[in-house]
Amino acid sequence: MKSATRDSIRICVECAAENSPFSDNCWLCQCPLTGDVEIVTAEIVGENRPNPILDRTFAVLTGLVGLLIVIVGIGIAADEPSLGVLYVLVVTPPLLGAFVRVKREMRRRRYVGWGERLATLIVSFALMYGLLMALGVAALVAFFIYCVIALST
């Protein structure tokens, strides 16, 4: 029998549940784990291998999202140039945030899939628009309170 280490597990003979090497009873069936129970060393699982089909699909989707952002920006700027500036101010922070996060992940571990890049972009936009909506609601509440105070005096 091997000695118990932090990276090993004990298999219960009654229910085959995996237990901590330092536990006396099985967590599932509460049977006592006797000393002759086999200690199985846990295996380390490597990172997922990249899937080229998914990478191409998400690369195309990310490119289409970027193209959509540019086309909407051109349309807004053509219709009303002052809104084009506002659009650029609203779109730039999430794009930069997603870019910085992906580059940081690429420095930590060498591979960042396109699905993760697209998810980062979408989450960045969701956070930005959520923040803008919260600021809008706060502004409406502030204006309402200001009007109530102004009318009461």
N, C-alpha and C. Protein backbone atom coordinates (compact mmCIF):
# COMPACT_ATOMS: atom_id res chain seq x y z
N MET A 1 0.85 -1.18 0.00
CA MET A 1 0.00 0.00 0.00
C MET A 1 0.89 1.24 0.00
N LYS A 2 0.47 2.24 -0.77
CA LYS A 2 1.21 3.50 -0.86
C LYS A 2 0.86 4.39 0.32
N SER A 3 1.74 5.32 0.61
CA SER A 3 1.43 6.28 1.68
C SER A 3 0.54 7.38 1.13
N ALA A 4 -0.32 7.92 1.98
CA ALA A 4 -1.27 8.94 1.55
C ALA A 4 -0.56 10.27 1.34
N THR A 5 -0.80 10.86 0.21
CA THR A 5 -0.30 12.20 -0.07
C THR A 5 -1.48 13.09 -0.39
N ARG A 6 -1.20 14.35 -0.52
CA ARG A 6 -2.27 15.32 -0.77
C ARG A 6 -2.89 15.14 -2.16
N ASP A 7 -2.11 14.61 -3.11
CA ASP A 7 -2.58 14.46 -4.49
C ASP A 7 -3.17 13.09 -4.77
N SER A 8 -3.41 12.26 -3.76
CA SER A 8 -3.95 10.93 -3.99
C SER A 8 -5.39 10.87 -3.48
N ILE A 9 -6.10 9.84 -3.93
CA ILE A 9 -7.49 9.64 -3.51
C ILE A 9 -7.65 8.20 -3.04
N ARG A 10 -8.67 7.96 -2.21
CA ARG A 10 -8.98 6.62 -1.74
C ARG A 10 -10.33 6.22 -2.30
N ILE A 11 -10.42 5.01 -2.82
CA ILE A 11 -11.65 4.49 -3.40
C ILE A 11 -12.36 3.64 -2.36
N CYS A 12 -13.64 3.91 -2.14
CA CYS A 12 -14.44 3.13 -1.19
C CYS A 12 -14.79 1.78 -1.82
N VAL A 13 -14.65 0.69 -1.04
CA VAL A 13 -14.95 -0.64 -1.57
C VAL A 13 -16.45 -0.88 -1.66
N GLU A 14 -17.27 -0.14 -0.92
CA GLU A 14 -18.71 -0.34 -0.93
C GLU A 14 -19.39 0.36 -2.11
N CYS A 15 -19.06 1.64 -2.31
CA CYS A 15 -19.78 2.42 -3.33
C CYS A 15 -18.87 2.95 -4.43
N ALA A 16 -17.58 2.72 -4.35
CA ALA A 16 -16.58 3.16 -5.35
C ALA A 16 -16.47 4.67 -5.43
N ALA A 17 -16.81 5.38 -4.37
CA ALA A 17 -16.68 6.83 -4.35
C ALA A 17 -15.23 7.21 -4.09
N GLU A 18 -14.82 8.33 -4.64
CA GLU A 18 -13.47 8.84 -4.42
C GLU A 18 -13.47 9.67 -3.14
N ASN A 19 -12.52 9.41 -2.28
CA ASN A 19 -12.44 10.09 -0.99
C ASN A 19 -11.08 10.72 -0.81
N SER A 20 -11.02 11.65 0.11
CA SER A 20 -9.75 12.27 0.48
C SER A 20 -8.86 11.20 1.11
N PRO A 21 -7.56 11.28 0.90
CA PRO A 21 -6.69 10.27 1.49
C PRO A 21 -6.63 10.33 3.01
N PHE A 22 -7.09 11.41 3.60
CA PHE A 22 -7.01 11.59 5.05
C PHE A 22 -8.35 11.34 5.75
N SER A 23 -9.42 11.00 4.99
CA SER A 23 -10.72 10.80 5.62
C SER A 23 -10.82 9.37 6.16
N ASP A 24 -11.59 9.23 7.25
CA ASP A 24 -11.77 7.92 7.88
C ASP A 24 -13.02 7.22 7.37
N ASN A 25 -14.05 8.00 6.95
CA ASN A 25 -15.30 7.44 6.45
C ASN A 25 -15.55 7.94 5.04
N CYS A 26 -16.27 7.14 4.28
CA CYS A 26 -16.65 7.52 2.92
C CYS A 26 -17.65 8.66 3.00
N TRP A 27 -17.49 9.65 2.15
CA TRP A 27 -18.39 10.80 2.18
C TRP A 27 -19.77 10.45 1.64
N LEU A 28 -19.88 9.39 0.82
CA LEU A 28 -21.14 9.06 0.19
C LEU A 28 -21.96 8.06 1.03
N CYS A 29 -21.34 6.94 1.39
CA CYS A 29 -22.08 5.90 2.11
C CYS A 29 -21.72 5.81 3.59
N GLN A 30 -20.77 6.62 4.04
CA GLN A 30 -20.34 6.68 5.44
C GLN A 30 -19.75 5.36 5.95
N CYS A 31 -19.33 4.48 5.05
CA CYS A 31 -18.64 3.25 5.46
C CYS A 31 -17.24 3.61 5.92
N PRO A 32 -16.75 2.90 6.92
CA PRO A 32 -15.38 3.19 7.35
C PRO A 32 -14.38 2.77 6.28
N LEU A 33 -13.43 3.65 6.04
CA LEU A 33 -12.36 3.33 5.09
C LEU A 33 -11.25 2.66 5.88
N THR A 34 -11.10 1.38 5.68
CA THR A 34 -10.09 0.64 6.43
C THR A 34 -8.71 0.89 5.84
N GLY A 35 -7.70 0.45 6.57
CA GLY A 35 -6.33 0.70 6.16
C GLY A 35 -5.94 -0.02 4.88
N ASP A 36 -6.66 -1.10 4.53
CA ASP A 36 -6.27 -1.84 3.34
C ASP A 36 -6.97 -1.36 2.07
N VAL A 37 -7.65 -0.22 2.16
CA VAL A 37 -8.28 0.35 0.97
C VAL A 37 -7.20 0.89 0.06
N GLU A 38 -7.34 0.61 -1.22
CA GLU A 38 -6.32 1.03 -2.18
C GLU A 38 -6.30 2.55 -2.33
N ILE A 39 -5.12 3.11 -2.30
CA ILE A 39 -4.95 4.54 -2.54
C ILE A 39 -4.54 4.71 -4.00
N VAL A 40 -5.35 5.43 -4.75
CA VAL A 40 -5.09 5.63 -6.17
C VAL A 40 -4.58 7.05 -6.35
N THR A 41 -3.45 7.18 -6.99
CA THR A 41 -2.89 8.50 -7.24
C THR A 41 -3.71 9.20 -8.32
N ALA A 42 -4.10 10.43 -8.07
CA ALA A 42 -4.90 11.18 -9.04
C ALA A 42 -4.02 11.56 -10.22
N GLU A 43 -4.61 11.50 -11.39
CA GLU A 43 -3.85 11.85 -12.59
C GLU A 43 -4.04 13.32 -12.92
N ILE A 44 -3.02 13.91 -13.47
CA ILE A 44 -3.08 15.31 -13.88
C ILE A 44 -3.53 15.34 -15.33
N VAL A 45 -4.58 16.08 -15.58
CA VAL A 45 -5.13 16.17 -16.92
C VAL A 45 -4.54 17.39 -17.60
N GLY A 46 -4.08 17.21 -18.82
CA GLY A 46 -3.49 18.32 -19.57
C GLY A 46 -4.55 19.27 -20.11
N GLU A 47 -4.08 20.33 -20.73
CA GLU A 47 -5.00 21.31 -21.31
C GLU A 47 -5.70 20.71 -22.52
N ASN A 48 -6.85 21.26 -22.84
CA ASN A 48 -7.56 20.82 -24.03
C ASN A 48 -6.76 21.17 -25.27
N ARG A 49 -6.78 20.27 -26.21
CA ARG A 49 -6.10 20.56 -27.46
C ARG A 49 -6.99 21.46 -28.30
N PRO A 50 -6.39 22.36 -29.07
CA PRO A 50 -7.20 23.25 -29.90
C PRO A 50 -7.94 22.48 -30.98
N ASN A 51 -9.16 22.90 -31.24
CA ASN A 51 -9.97 22.30 -32.29
C ASN A 51 -9.97 23.25 -33.48
N PRO A 52 -9.38 22.86 -34.62
CA PRO A 52 -9.26 23.79 -35.74
C PRO A 52 -10.60 24.21 -36.33
N ILE A 53 -11.60 23.33 -36.30
CA ILE A 53 -12.90 23.69 -36.87
C ILE A 53 -13.57 24.77 -36.01
N LEU A 54 -13.54 24.57 -34.69
CA LEU A 54 -14.11 25.59 -33.80
C LEU A 54 -13.33 26.89 -33.89
N ASP A 55 -12.02 26.79 -34.01
CA ASP A 55 -11.21 28.00 -34.12
C ASP A 55 -11.58 28.79 -35.36
N ARG A 56 -11.74 28.10 -36.49
CA ARG A 56 -12.13 28.81 -37.72
C ARG A 56 -13.53 29.41 -37.59
N THR A 57 -14.44 28.65 -36.99
CA THR A 57 -15.81 29.15 -36.84
C THR A 57 -15.83 30.41 -35.98
N PHE A 58 -15.17 30.37 -34.84
CA PHE A 58 -15.17 31.53 -33.97
C PHE A 58 -14.33 32.67 -34.53
N ALA A 59 -13.32 32.36 -35.33
CA ALA A 59 -12.56 33.43 -35.99
C ALA A 59 -13.45 34.17 -36.97
N VAL A 60 -14.26 33.42 -37.72
CA VAL A 60 -15.20 34.05 -38.66
C VAL A 60 -16.24 34.86 -37.89
N LEU A 61 -16.78 34.30 -36.81
CA LEU A 61 -17.78 35.02 -36.01
C LEU A 61 -17.19 36.29 -35.40
N THR A 62 -15.97 36.22 -34.89
CA THR A 62 -15.33 37.40 -34.32
C THR A 62 -15.09 38.45 -35.39
N GLY A 63 -14.66 38.01 -36.57
CA GLY A 63 -14.48 38.95 -37.68
C GLY A 63 -15.79 39.60 -38.09
N LEU A 64 -16.88 38.81 -38.12
CA LEU A 64 -18.18 39.37 -38.47
C LEU A 64 -18.68 40.36 -37.41
N VAL A 65 -18.42 40.07 -36.15
CA VAL A 65 -18.80 41.01 -35.09
C VAL A 65 -18.02 42.31 -35.25
N GLY A 66 -16.72 42.20 -35.53
CA GLY A 66 -15.91 43.41 -35.76
C GLY A 66 -16.39 44.19 -36.97
N LEU A 67 -16.72 43.48 -38.06
CA LEU A 67 -17.24 44.13 -39.26
C LEU A 67 -18.57 44.81 -38.97
N LEU A 68 -19.42 44.16 -38.20
CA LEU A 68 -20.71 44.75 -37.82
C LEU A 68 -20.51 46.02 -37.00
N ILE A 69 -19.55 46.00 -36.09
CA ILE A 69 -19.27 47.20 -35.29
C ILE A 69 -18.83 48.35 -36.18
N VAL A 70 -17.97 48.05 -37.15
CA VAL A 70 -17.48 49.09 -38.07
C VAL A 70 -18.61 49.60 -38.96
N ILE A 71 -19.43 48.71 -39.51
CA ILE A 71 -20.53 49.13 -40.39
C ILE A 71 -21.54 49.98 -39.64
N VAL A 72 -21.89 49.58 -38.42
CA VAL A 72 -22.83 50.38 -37.63
C VAL A 72 -22.22 51.74 -37.32
N GLY A 73 -20.93 51.78 -37.01
CA GLY A 73 -20.26 53.06 -36.75
C GLY A 73 -20.27 53.96 -37.97
N ILE A 74 -20.01 53.40 -39.15
CA ILE A 74 -20.05 54.19 -40.39
C ILE A 74 -21.45 54.71 -40.64
N GLY A 75 -22.46 53.86 -40.43
CA GLY A 75 -23.84 54.28 -40.63
C GLY A 75 -24.25 55.39 -39.67
N ILE A 76 -23.87 55.26 -38.43
CA ILE A 76 -24.20 56.30 -37.45
C ILE A 76 -23.48 57.59 -37.78
N ALA A 77 -22.19 57.50 -38.15
CA ALA A 77 -21.42 58.70 -38.47
C ALA A 77 -21.94 59.37 -39.73
N ALA A 78 -22.43 58.59 -40.70
CA ALA A 78 -22.97 59.18 -41.93
C ALA A 78 -24.30 59.87 -41.65
N ASP A 79 -25.10 59.30 -40.78
CA ASP A 79 -26.40 59.88 -40.47
C ASP A 79 -26.27 61.10 -39.57
N GLU A 80 -25.50 60.99 -38.53
CA GLU A 80 -25.33 62.08 -37.57
C GLU A 80 -23.90 62.05 -37.05
N PRO A 81 -23.03 62.94 -37.55
CA PRO A 81 -21.61 62.88 -37.17
C PRO A 81 -21.36 63.03 -35.66
N SER A 82 -22.18 63.79 -34.97
CA SER A 82 -21.95 63.94 -33.53
C SER A 82 -22.22 62.63 -32.79
N LEU A 83 -23.18 61.84 -33.26
CA LEU A 83 -23.43 60.53 -32.65
C LEU A 83 -22.32 59.55 -33.00
N GLY A 84 -21.65 59.77 -34.12
CA GLY A 84 -20.51 58.92 -34.48
C GLY A 84 -19.40 59.02 -33.45
N VAL A 85 -19.16 60.24 -32.97
CA VAL A 85 -18.14 60.44 -31.94
C VAL A 85 -18.56 59.74 -30.65
N LEU A 86 -19.83 59.86 -30.28
CA LEU A 86 -20.33 59.18 -29.09
C LEU A 86 -20.23 57.66 -29.25
N TYR A 87 -20.54 57.16 -30.45
CA TYR A 87 -20.44 55.73 -30.71
C TYR A 87 -19.00 55.24 -30.53
N VAL A 88 -18.05 56.01 -31.04
CA VAL A 88 -16.63 55.63 -30.88
C VAL A 88 -16.25 55.65 -29.40
N LEU A 89 -16.75 56.63 -28.66
CA LEU A 89 -16.44 56.69 -27.23
C LEU A 89 -17.05 55.53 -26.45
N VAL A 90 -18.19 55.03 -26.91
CA VAL A 90 -18.85 53.93 -26.22
C VAL A 90 -18.24 52.58 -26.63
N VAL A 91 -17.82 52.45 -27.89
CA VAL A 91 -17.34 51.17 -28.40
C VAL A 91 -15.86 50.93 -28.08
N THR A 92 -15.07 51.98 -27.99
CA THR A 92 -13.63 51.81 -27.81
C THR A 92 -13.23 51.15 -26.49
N PRO A 93 -13.78 51.53 -25.32
CA PRO A 93 -13.34 50.88 -24.07
C PRO A 93 -13.56 49.36 -24.03
N PRO A 94 -14.72 48.83 -24.45
CA PRO A 94 -14.83 47.36 -24.42
C PRO A 94 -13.88 46.67 -25.39
N LEU A 95 -13.66 47.28 -26.56
CA LEU A 95 -12.72 46.68 -27.51
C LEU A 95 -11.31 46.65 -26.93
N LEU A 96 -10.89 47.76 -26.34
CA LEU A 96 -9.56 47.80 -25.73
C LEU A 96 -9.46 46.85 -24.53
N GLY A 97 -10.52 46.79 -23.73
CA GLY A 97 -10.52 45.87 -22.59
C GLY A 97 -10.41 44.42 -23.02
N ALA A 98 -11.16 44.04 -24.06
CA ALA A 98 -11.08 42.67 -24.56
C ALA A 98 -9.70 42.39 -25.14
N PHE A 99 -9.14 43.35 -25.87
CA PHE A 99 -7.82 43.18 -26.47
C PHE A 99 -6.75 42.99 -25.39
N VAL A 100 -6.80 43.83 -24.35
CA VAL A 100 -5.81 43.73 -23.27
C VAL A 100 -5.94 42.42 -22.52
N ARG A 101 -7.18 41.99 -22.25
CA ARG A 101 -7.37 40.73 -21.52
C ARG A 101 -6.87 39.54 -22.33
N VAL A 102 -7.17 39.52 -23.63
CA VAL A 102 -6.71 38.41 -24.47
C VAL A 102 -5.19 38.39 -24.55
N LYS A 103 -4.57 39.55 -24.70
CA LYS A 103 -3.10 39.60 -24.76
C LYS A 103 -2.48 39.14 -23.43
N ARG A 104 -3.10 39.50 -22.32
CA ARG A 104 -2.60 39.06 -21.01
C ARG A 104 -2.70 37.55 -20.87
N GLU A 105 -3.82 36.98 -21.33
CA GLU A 105 -3.98 35.52 -21.29
C GLU A 105 -2.98 34.83 -22.20
N MET A 106 -2.69 35.44 -23.35
CA MET A 106 -1.73 34.85 -24.28
C MET A 106 -0.32 34.86 -23.68
N ARG A 107 -0.02 35.85 -22.85
CA ARG A 107 1.28 35.87 -22.20
C ARG A 107 1.38 34.80 -21.11
N ARG A 108 0.27 34.56 -20.40
CA ARG A 108 0.26 33.56 -19.34
C ARG A 108 0.34 32.14 -19.90
N ARG A 109 -0.55 31.85 -20.80
CA ARG A 109 -0.55 30.55 -21.47
C ARG A 109 -0.58 30.82 -22.96
N ARG A 110 0.07 30.06 -23.72
CA ARG A 110 0.35 30.43 -25.11
C ARG A 110 -0.86 30.42 -26.03
N TYR A 111 -1.90 29.66 -25.72
CA TYR A 111 -3.01 29.51 -26.66
C TYR A 111 -4.29 30.08 -26.06
N VAL A 112 -4.93 30.98 -26.78
CA VAL A 112 -6.25 31.49 -26.42
C VAL A 112 -7.13 31.27 -27.64
N GLY A 113 -8.16 30.46 -27.50
CA GLY A 113 -9.02 30.12 -28.62
C GLY A 113 -9.91 31.29 -29.04
N TRP A 114 -10.41 31.19 -30.26
CA TRP A 114 -11.27 32.24 -30.79
C TRP A 114 -12.59 32.31 -30.05
N GLY A 115 -13.07 31.18 -29.56
CA GLY A 115 -14.29 31.21 -28.77
C GLY A 115 -14.14 32.02 -27.50
N GLU A 116 -12.98 31.86 -26.87
CA GLU A 116 -12.71 32.65 -25.66
C GLU A 116 -12.54 34.12 -25.99
N ARG A 117 -11.95 34.41 -27.14
CA ARG A 117 -11.80 35.81 -27.56
C ARG A 117 -13.16 36.44 -27.82
N LEU A 118 -14.04 35.71 -28.51
CA LEU A 118 -15.38 36.23 -28.79
C LEU A 118 -16.17 36.41 -27.50
N ALA A 119 -16.06 35.45 -26.59
CA ALA A 119 -16.76 35.56 -25.31
C ALA A 119 -16.25 36.75 -24.51
N THR A 120 -14.95 36.99 -24.55
CA THR A 120 -14.37 38.15 -23.86
C THR A 120 -14.91 39.44 -24.44
N LEU A 121 -15.00 39.50 -25.76
CA LEU A 121 -15.53 40.70 -26.42
C LEU A 121 -16.99 40.94 -26.04
N ILE A 122 -17.79 39.89 -26.05
CA ILE A 122 -19.21 40.04 -25.72
C ILE A 122 -19.40 40.43 -24.25
N VAL A 123 -18.63 39.82 -23.36
CA VAL A 123 -18.73 40.17 -21.94
C VAL A 123 -18.28 41.60 -21.71
N SER A 124 -17.24 42.04 -22.42
CA SER A 124 -16.77 43.43 -22.28
C SER A 124 -17.86 44.41 -22.70
N PHE A 125 -18.52 44.12 -23.83
CA PHE A 125 -19.61 44.99 -24.27
C PHE A 125 -20.78 44.96 -23.30
N ALA A 126 -21.11 43.78 -22.78
CA ALA A 126 -22.22 43.68 -21.83
C ALA A 126 -21.92 44.48 -20.56
N LEU A 127 -20.69 44.39 -20.07
CA LEU A 127 -20.33 45.17 -18.88
C LEU A 127 -20.37 46.66 -19.15
N MET A 128 -19.89 47.07 -20.33
CA MET A 128 -19.88 48.50 -20.67
C MET A 128 -21.31 49.03 -20.77
N TYR A 129 -22.17 48.30 -21.47
CA TYR A 129 -23.54 48.78 -21.62
C TYR A 129 -24.31 48.69 -20.31
N GLY A 130 -24.02 47.70 -19.49
CA GLY A 130 -24.62 47.65 -18.16
C GLY A 130 -24.22 48.84 -17.31
N LEU A 131 -22.95 49.21 -17.40
CA LEU A 131 -22.47 50.39 -16.67
C LEU A 131 -23.14 51.65 -17.19
N LEU A 132 -23.27 51.77 -18.51
CA LEU A 132 -23.94 52.95 -19.07
C LEU A 132 -25.41 53.02 -18.66
N MET A 133 -26.08 51.86 -18.62
CA MET A 133 -27.48 51.86 -18.20
C MET A 133 -27.60 52.22 -16.72
N ALA A 134 -26.68 51.74 -15.90
CA ALA A 134 -26.70 52.09 -14.48
C ALA A 134 -26.46 53.58 -14.29
N LEU A 135 -25.54 54.15 -15.07
CA LEU A 135 -25.31 55.59 -15.00
C LEU A 135 -26.54 56.37 -15.47
N GLY A 136 -27.22 55.87 -16.50
CA GLY A 136 -28.44 56.52 -16.97
C GLY A 136 -29.53 56.50 -15.92
N VAL A 137 -29.71 55.36 -15.26
CA VAL A 137 -30.72 55.26 -14.20
C VAL A 137 -30.35 56.18 -13.04
N ALA A 138 -29.07 56.23 -12.69
CA ALA A 138 -28.63 57.12 -11.61
C ALA A 138 -28.88 58.58 -11.98
N ALA A 139 -28.66 58.94 -13.25
CA ALA A 139 -28.92 60.31 -13.69
C ALA A 139 -30.41 60.62 -13.62
N LEU A 140 -31.26 59.68 -14.03
CA LEU A 140 -32.71 59.90 -13.96
C LEU A 140 -33.16 60.07 -12.51
N VAL A 141 -32.65 59.26 -11.62
CA VAL A 141 -33.00 59.38 -10.20
C VAL A 141 -32.53 60.72 -9.65
N ALA A 142 -31.32 61.13 -10.04
CA ALA A 142 -30.80 62.42 -9.57
C ALA A 142 -31.65 63.58 -10.09
N PHE A 143 -32.04 63.53 -11.36
CA PHE A 143 -32.90 64.58 -11.91
C PHE A 143 -34.27 64.59 -11.23
N PHE A 144 -34.82 63.42 -10.94
CA PHE A 144 -36.10 63.34 -10.26
C PHE A 144 -36.00 63.96 -8.86
N ILE A 145 -34.97 63.61 -8.13
CA ILE A 145 -34.78 64.18 -6.79
C ILE A 145 -34.58 65.68 -6.87
N TYR A 146 -33.82 66.14 -7.85
CA TYR A 146 -33.60 67.57 -8.04
C TYR A 146 -34.92 68.29 -8.32
N CYS A 147 -35.77 67.70 -9.18
CA CYS A 147 -37.06 68.32 -9.50
C CYS A 147 -37.98 68.35 -8.28
N VAL A 148 -37.99 67.27 -7.50
CA VAL A 148 -38.83 67.23 -6.30
C VAL A 148 -38.38 68.29 -5.31
N ILE A 149 -37.08 68.44 -5.13
CA ILE A 149 -36.55 69.45 -4.21
C ILE A 149 -36.85 70.85 -4.74
N ALA A 150 -36.71 71.05 -6.07
CA ALA A 150 -36.96 72.37 -6.66
C ALA A 150 -38.43 72.74 -6.56
N LEU A 151 -39.34 71.78 -6.73
CA LEU A 151 -40.76 72.07 -6.64
C LEU A 151 -41.21 72.31 -5.21
N SER A 152 -40.54 71.72 -4.26
CA SER A 152 -40.96 71.88 -2.86
C SER A 152 -40.54 73.23 -2.28
N THR A 153 -39.61 73.91 -2.92
CA THR A 153 -39.18 75.21 -2.37
C THR A 153 -39.85 76.36 -3.05
